[in-house]
């Protein structure tokens, strides 16, 4: 089916973006201790 050709790349992109967001938050928290949320 052609559905898999759009579902898997979409999931891969979503997972990559979520991972980059968590990585960015972690780096910001580690490198900017003055920032309190």
C-alpha atoms as a PDB file:
ATOM      1  CA  UNK A   1       0.000   0.000   0.000  1.00  0.00           C
ATOM      2  CA  UNK A   2       1.052   3.565  -0.640  1.00  0.00           C
ATOM      3  CA  UNK A   3       0.011   4.583   2.876  1.00  0.00           C
ATOM      4  CA  UNK A   4       3.247   3.187   4.309  1.00  0.00           C
ATOM      5  CA  UNK A   5       5.257   5.476   2.018  1.00  0.00           C
ATOM      6  CA  UNK A   6       3.844   8.499   3.862  1.00  0.00           C
ATOM      7  CA  UNK A   7       3.311   7.105   7.374  1.00  0.00           C
ATOM      8  CA  UNK A   8       6.861   5.948   8.077  1.00  0.00           C
ATOM      9  CA  UNK A   9       8.679   9.106   6.868  1.00  0.00           C
ATOM     10  CA  UNK A  10       6.169  11.215   8.787  1.00  0.00           C
ATOM     11  CA  UNK A  11       6.788   9.238  11.970  1.00  0.00           C
ATOM     12  CA  UNK A  12      10.560   9.445  11.462  1.00  0.00           C
ATOM     13  CA  UNK A  13      10.391  13.233  11.033  1.00  0.00           C
ATOM     14  CA  UNK A  14       8.124  13.604  14.079  1.00  0.00           C
ATOM     15  CA  UNK A  15      10.412  11.482  16.271  1.00  0.00           C
ATOM     16  CA  UNK A  16      13.479  13.409  15.054  1.00  0.00           C
ATOM     17  CA  UNK A  17      11.874  16.786  15.830  1.00  0.00           C
ATOM     18  CA  UNK A  18      10.759  15.632  19.289  1.00  0.00           C
ATOM     19  CA  UNK A  19      14.259  14.316  20.031  1.00  0.00           C
ATOM     20  CA  UNK A  20      15.824  17.618  18.928  1.00  0.00           C
ATOM     21  CA  UNK A  21      13.369  19.555  21.105  1.00  0.00           C
ATOM     22  CA  UNK A  22      14.214  17.463  24.178  1.00  0.00           C
ATOM     23  CA  UNK A  23      17.936  17.742  23.390  1.00  0.00           C
ATOM     24  CA  UNK A  24      17.672  21.516  23.035  1.00  0.00           C
ATOM     25  CA  UNK A  25      15.778  21.834  26.323  1.00  0.00           C
ATOM     26  CA  UNK A  26      18.354  19.685  28.101  1.00  0.00           C
ATOM     27  CA  UNK A  27      21.280  21.644  26.686  1.00  0.00           C
ATOM     28  CA  UNK A  28      19.650  24.961  27.607  1.00  0.00           C
ATOM     29  CA  UNK A  29      18.998  23.789  31.154  1.00  0.00           C
ATOM     30  CA  UNK A  30      22.561  22.466  31.474  1.00  0.00           C
ATOM     31  CA  UNK A  31      24.262  25.537  29.971  1.00  0.00           C
ATOM     32  CA  UNK A  32      22.067  28.260  31.527  1.00  0.00           C
ATOM     33  CA  UNK A  33      21.717  27.524  35.251  1.00  0.00           C
ATOM     34  CA  UNK A  34      20.329  31.028  35.888  1.00  0.00           C
ATOM     35  CA  UNK A  35      17.174  30.178  33.945  1.00  0.00           C
ATOM     36  CA  UNK A  36      14.429  28.994  36.275  1.00  0.00           C
ATOM     37  CA  UNK A  37      11.172  27.687  34.846  1.00  0.00           C
END
